[in-house]
Amino acid sequence: MSRPSVMRWLRRWVRGLRPAPASSRVPQPAAKGRADLPEPLLMLMQGQLATLLARHPRARRTLPHLAFVEKMLRRSGEAGLWALPDPVLARALQQLEALTDDWSQAGISELRTRLSKAARPAPQVEHDNLLSTFGTPDKLQVCEVGLSVFEEYDGAGAAAHRPR
């Protein structure tokens, strides 16, 4: 990088660290009817989630939605968390439930409760107007089987087709 581009990057970076003037601040979205979290509980949720993700070396890369929830809790608190789209919150809830089954920690269980309240189910799609009907139970179902089962069926099929 040339010197002017480094300085431009540095100015942008420093500008990003300073808080915006009060007149240019974007109003935070309403909490969508959710009660405000007390600061100690918010910090407990963020800390326990960070500890949980740090326990597994590649968890933040493997579970990006949950890592993003952790980042939003750390940066923006509750307002930033609830500003996330519902599908992101739903996926983060799935990832949290897959990561742990010990709900004795107060912060993790509170986060799970909040995410489950926030994650609304996706609307069901009507299958009547679709061109394809592959999702119906009368279609062929395929599953994996072991080699011995395959050889058993293959042997039975070969015996039935042998010339007599």
Foldseek 3Di string as FASTA:
>chain_A
DDPVVVVVVVVVVVVVVDDDPPVPDDDQDDLVPDDADPPVLLVQLLVVLVVLQVVDPCSCVVQVLLVVLSVQSVPPNSSSNLVDDLVSLVSNLVSLVVSDDDCPRPSSVVSNVVSVVSRDDDDDDDPPPDPDDPVDPVDDDDDDDDPVVVVVVVVVVVVVPDDD
